[in-house]
Amino acid sequence: MRRLVLTVIGDDRAGLVSALSEAIATHDGNWERSQLAELAGKFAGIVVVGVPDEKAEGLLTTLAGLDGLLEVAAYPGSDRERAGSRLTIDLLGNDRPGIVREVSAVLSRHELSIESMETATREAPMAGGQLFEAHVVVGV
């Protein structure tokens, strides 16, 4: 079984996940894990797929044919699982340019590896301005 990491992006519209999952299933692929989101009118995500070795090239050809609907790039994956502990960090504060750089620099200095990070901004209802919020999972 070959493991692929797919990055996908396209203009957001109905049917994108259906088209991607159909291509994977047609080649006996297994959709193992994903993170998908609509961001600024674009649909973007990362999908980990397991596919039989003999069907991998056919899947890659089919995924290339999705161009115009979705741009898909495929990268070889690994079966290696991360060992160690995980920490979850939730942040909320006033938004400003450079905040992600500052947070990631602190994590890097402490040799913490970001496994996932979700960020957003929202209006501060009582004080005005924007709030920055982040949910970060790091490996120790």
C-alpha atoms as a PDB file:
ATOM      1  CA  MET A   1       0.000   0.000   0.000  1.00  0.00           C
ATOM      2  CA  ARG A   2       1.351   3.398  -0.990  1.00  0.00           C
ATOM      3  CA  ARG A   3       0.604   6.435   1.167  1.00  0.00           C
ATOM      4  CA  LEU A   4       0.146   9.834  -0.492  1.00  0.00           C
ATOM      5  CA  VAL A   5      -0.311  13.279   0.989  1.00  0.00           C
ATOM      6  CA  LEU A   6      -2.515  15.400  -1.279  1.00  0.00           C
ATOM      7  CA  THR A   7      -2.804  19.171  -1.147  1.00  0.00           C
ATOM      8  CA  VAL A   8      -5.914  20.532  -2.817  1.00  0.00           C
ATOM      9  CA  ILE A   9      -7.147  24.020  -3.657  1.00  0.00           C
ATOM     10  CA  GLY A  10      -9.855  25.433  -5.864  1.00  0.00           C
ATOM     11  CA  ASP A  11     -12.641  27.987  -6.041  1.00  0.00           C
ATOM     12  CA  ASP A  12     -15.175  27.002  -3.398  1.00  0.00           C
ATOM     13  CA  ARG A  13     -18.326  25.369  -4.755  1.00  0.00           C
ATOM     14  CA  ALA A  14     -20.490  22.327  -4.144  1.00  0.00           C
ATOM     15  CA  GLY A  15     -19.157  18.941  -5.219  1.00  0.00           C
ATOM     16  CA  LEU A  16     -15.413  19.369  -4.671  1.00  0.00           C
ATOM     17  CA  VAL A  17     -15.080  16.751  -1.926  1.00  0.00           C
ATOM     18  CA  SER A  18     -17.351  14.448  -3.903  1.00  0.00           C
ATOM     19  CA  ALA A  19     -15.124  14.706  -6.995  1.00  0.00           C
ATOM     20  CA  LEU A  20     -11.964  14.117  -4.968  1.00  0.00           C
ATOM     21  CA  SER A  21     -13.392  11.188  -3.011  1.00  0.00           C
ATOM     22  CA  GLU A  22     -14.741   9.622  -6.224  1.00  0.00           C
ATOM     23  CA  ALA A  23     -11.268   9.737  -7.802  1.00  0.00           C
ATOM     24  CA  ILE A  24      -9.749   8.116  -4.711  1.00  0.00           C
ATOM     25  CA  ALA A  25     -12.433   5.420  -4.377  1.00  0.00           C
ATOM     26  CA  THR A  26     -12.282   4.553  -8.101  1.00  0.00           C
ATOM     27  CA  HIS A  27      -8.649   3.506  -7.563  1.00  0.00           C
ATOM     28  CA  ASP A  28      -9.440   1.531  -4.389  1.00  0.00           C
ATOM     29  CA  GLY A  29      -7.881   4.270  -2.301  1.00  0.00           C
ATOM     30  CA  ASN A  30      -8.597   4.790   1.367  1.00  0.00           C
ATOM     31  CA  TRP A  31      -9.205   8.361   2.588  1.00  0.00           C
ATOM     32  CA  GLU A  32      -7.307   8.116   5.893  1.00  0.00           C
ATOM     33  CA  ARG A  33      -7.166  11.633   7.290  1.00  0.00           C
ATOM     34  CA  SER A  34      -7.887  15.169   6.171  1.00  0.00           C
ATOM     35  CA  GLN A  35      -8.196  18.807   7.090  1.00  0.00           C
ATOM     36  CA  LEU A  36     -10.356  20.817   4.715  1.00  0.00           C
ATOM     37  CA  ALA A  37     -11.680  24.372   4.887  1.00  0.00           C
ATOM     38  CA  GLU A  38     -13.134  27.272   2.941  1.00  0.00           C
ATOM     39  CA  LEU A  39     -10.826  30.259   3.229  1.00  0.00           C
ATOM     40  CA  ALA A  40     -11.467  33.575   1.457  1.00  0.00           C
ATOM     41  CA  GLY A  41     -13.592  31.976  -1.250  1.00  0.00           C
ATOM     42  CA  LYS A  42     -11.137  29.131  -1.851  1.00  0.00           C
ATOM     43  CA  PHE A  43     -11.551  25.520  -0.787  1.00  0.00           C
ATOM     44  CA  ALA A  44      -8.246  24.153   0.498  1.00  0.00           C
ATOM     45  CA  GLY A  45      -7.050  21.096   2.291  1.00  0.00           C
ATOM     46  CA  ILE A  46      -4.681  18.268   2.932  1.00  0.00           C
ATOM     47  CA  VAL A  47      -5.706  14.632   2.569  1.00  0.00           C
ATOM     48  CA  VAL A  48      -3.737  11.497   3.465  1.00  0.00           C
ATOM     49  CA  VAL A  49      -4.630   8.602   1.177  1.00  0.00           C
ATOM     50  CA  GLY A  50      -3.603   4.960   1.116  1.00  0.00           C
ATOM     51  CA  VAL A  51      -3.758   3.377  -2.355  1.00  0.00           C
ATOM     52  CA  PRO A  52      -2.645  -0.039  -3.653  1.00  0.00           C
ATOM     53  CA  ASP A  53       0.809   0.238  -5.245  1.00  0.00           C
ATOM     54  CA  GLU A  54      -0.445  -0.923  -8.637  1.00  0.00           C
ATOM     55  CA  LYS A  55      -3.203   1.737  -8.710  1.00  0.00           C
ATOM     56  CA  ALA A  56      -1.192   4.736  -7.500  1.00  0.00           C
ATOM     57  CA  GLU A  57      -0.161   5.993 -10.952  1.00  0.00           C
ATOM     58  CA  GLY A  58      -3.754   5.750 -12.194  1.00  0.00           C
ATOM     59  CA  LEU A  59      -4.917   7.778  -9.212  1.00  0.00           C
ATOM     60  CA  LEU A  60      -2.296  10.442  -9.889  1.00  0.00           C
ATOM     61  CA  THR A  61      -3.428  10.652 -13.531  1.00  0.00           C
ATOM     62  CA  THR A  62      -7.076  10.994 -12.471  1.00  0.00           C
ATOM     63  CA  LEU A  63      -6.191  13.681  -9.907  1.00  0.00           C
ATOM     64  CA  ALA A  64      -4.318  15.645 -12.592  1.00  0.00           C
ATOM     65  CA  GLY A  65      -7.545  15.548 -14.617  1.00  0.00           C
ATOM     66  CA  LEU A  66      -9.348  17.444 -11.855  1.00  0.00           C
ATOM     67  CA  ASP A  67      -7.459  20.604 -12.857  1.00  0.00           C
ATOM     68  CA  GLY A  68      -9.988  23.361 -13.427  1.00  0.00           C
ATOM     69  CA  LEU A  69     -12.078  21.976 -10.596  1.00  0.00           C
ATOM     70  CA  LEU A  70      -9.301  21.395  -8.058  1.00  0.00           C
ATOM     71  CA  GLU A  71      -5.541  21.761  -8.254  1.00  0.00           C
ATOM     72  CA  VAL A  72      -4.059  18.690  -6.582  1.00  0.00           C
ATOM     73  CA  ALA A  73      -0.422  18.075  -5.711  1.00  0.00           C
ATOM     74  CA  ALA A  74       0.665  14.660  -4.424  1.00  0.00           C
ATOM     75  CA  TYR A  75       3.624  13.941  -2.160  1.00  0.00           C
ATOM     76  CA  PRO A  76       4.909  10.602  -0.872  1.00  0.00           C
ATOM     77  CA  GLY A  77       3.750   9.941   2.664  1.00  0.00           C
ATOM     78  CA  SER A  78       5.312   7.998   5.471  1.00  0.00           C
ATOM     79  CA  ASP A  79       4.014   5.198   7.666  1.00  0.00           C
ATOM     80  CA  ARG A  80       6.029   6.583  10.545  1.00  0.00           C
ATOM     81  CA  GLU A  81       3.883   7.669  13.481  1.00  0.00           C
ATOM     82  CA  ARG A  82       5.072  10.371  15.815  1.00  0.00           C
ATOM     83  CA  ALA A  83       6.005   9.242  19.272  1.00  0.00           C
ATOM     84  CA  GLY A  84       5.826  11.411  22.346  1.00  0.00           C
ATOM     85  CA  SER A  85       3.399  13.615  24.152  1.00  0.00           C
ATOM     86  CA  ARG A  86       1.075  16.230  22.745  1.00  0.00           C
ATOM     87  CA  LEU A  87       0.061  19.546  24.208  1.00  0.00           C
ATOM     88  CA  THR A  88      -2.950  21.630  23.236  1.00  0.00           C
ATOM     89  CA  ILE A  89      -2.596  25.396  23.398  1.00  0.00           C
ATOM     90  CA  ASP A  90      -5.511  27.805  23.008  1.00  0.00           C
ATOM     91  CA  LEU A  91      -4.695  31.477  22.493  1.00  0.00           C
ATOM     92  CA  LEU A  92      -6.925  34.548  22.488  1.00  0.00           C
ATOM     93  CA  GLY A  93      -5.687  38.125  22.333  1.00  0.00           C
ATOM     94  CA  ASN A  94      -5.629  41.371  20.405  1.00  0.00           C
ATOM     95  CA  ASP A  95      -4.785  40.806  16.763  1.00  0.00           C
ATOM     96  CA  ARG A  96      -1.723  42.428  15.223  1.00  0.00           C
ATOM     97  CA  PRO A  97       0.642  41.744  12.339  1.00  0.00           C
ATOM     98  CA  GLY A  98       3.333  39.203  13.190  1.00  0.00           C
ATOM     99  CA  ILE A  99       1.477  37.313  15.915  1.00  0.00           C
ATOM    100  CA  VAL A 100       1.804  33.908  14.194  1.00  0.00           C
ATOM    101  CA  ARG A 101       5.528  34.543  13.680  1.00  0.00           C
ATOM    102  CA  GLU A 102       5.932  35.339  17.391  1.00  0.00           C
ATOM    103  CA  VAL A 103       3.969  32.299  18.578  1.00  0.00           C
ATOM    104  CA  SER A 104       5.753  29.900  16.200  1.00  0.00           C
ATOM    105  CA  ALA A 105       9.161  31.291  17.206  1.00  0.00           C
ATOM    106  CA  VAL A 106       8.449  30.586  20.888  1.00  0.00           C
ATOM    107  CA  LEU A 107       7.335  27.040  20.070  1.00  0.00           C
ATOM    108  CA  SER A 108      10.439  26.478  17.935  1.00  0.00           C
ATOM    109  CA  ARG A 109      12.772  27.780  20.667  1.00  0.00           C
ATOM    110  CA  HIS A 110      11.295  25.157  22.996  1.00  0.00           C
ATOM    111  CA  GLU A 111      11.647  22.452  20.309  1.00  0.00           C
ATOM    112  CA  LEU A 112       7.885  21.935  20.088  1.00  0.00           C
ATOM    113  CA  SER A 113       6.658  20.726  16.708  1.00  0.00           C
ATOM    114  CA  ILE A 114       3.313  22.060  15.442  1.00  0.00           C
ATOM    115  CA  GLU A 115       1.089  19.111  14.528  1.00  0.00           C
ATOM    116  CA  SER A 116      -1.958  21.234  13.786  1.00  0.00           C
ATOM    117  CA  MET A 117      -2.865  24.890  14.033  1.00  0.00           C
ATOM    118  CA  GLU A 118      -6.181  26.598  13.431  1.00  0.00           C
ATOM    119  CA  THR A 119      -6.343  30.385  13.524  1.00  0.00           C
ATOM    120  CA  ALA A 120      -9.035  32.981  13.036  1.00  0.00           C
ATOM    121  CA  THR A 121      -9.769  36.619  13.718  1.00  0.00           C
ATOM    122  CA  ARG A 122     -13.044  38.035  14.980  1.00  0.00           C
ATOM    123  CA  GLU A 123     -14.401  41.324  16.166  1.00  0.00           C
ATOM    124  CA  ALA A 124     -13.903  42.233  19.815  1.00  0.00           C
ATOM    125  CA  PRO A 125     -17.506  42.991  20.846  1.00  0.00           C
ATOM    126  CA  MET A 126     -16.816  45.123  23.932  1.00  0.00           C
ATOM    127  CA  ALA A 127     -13.531  46.810  23.076  1.00  0.00           C
ATOM    128  CA  GLY A 128     -13.657  47.183  19.306  1.00  0.00           C
ATOM    129  CA  GLY A 129     -10.871  46.024  17.041  1.00  0.00           C
ATOM    130  CA  GLN A 130      -9.995  42.451  16.172  1.00  0.00           C
ATOM    131  CA  LEU A 131      -9.193  39.450  18.317  1.00  0.00           C
ATOM    132  CA  PHE A 132      -6.801  36.719  17.254  1.00  0.00           C
ATOM    133  CA  GLU A 133      -7.557  33.170  18.339  1.00  0.00           C
ATOM    134  CA  ALA A 134      -5.590  30.006  17.788  1.00  0.00           C
ATOM    135  CA  HIS A 135      -5.915  26.338  18.654  1.00  0.00           C
ATOM    136  CA  VAL A 136      -2.507  24.655  18.409  1.00  0.00           C
ATOM    137  CA  VAL A 137      -1.540  21.038  18.996  1.00  0.00           C
ATOM    138  CA  VAL A 138       2.179  20.518  19.459  1.00  0.00           C
ATOM    139  CA  GLY A 139       4.343  17.427  19.794  1.00  0.00           C
ATOM    140  CA  VAL A 140       6.852  17.362  22.609  1.00  0.00           C
END
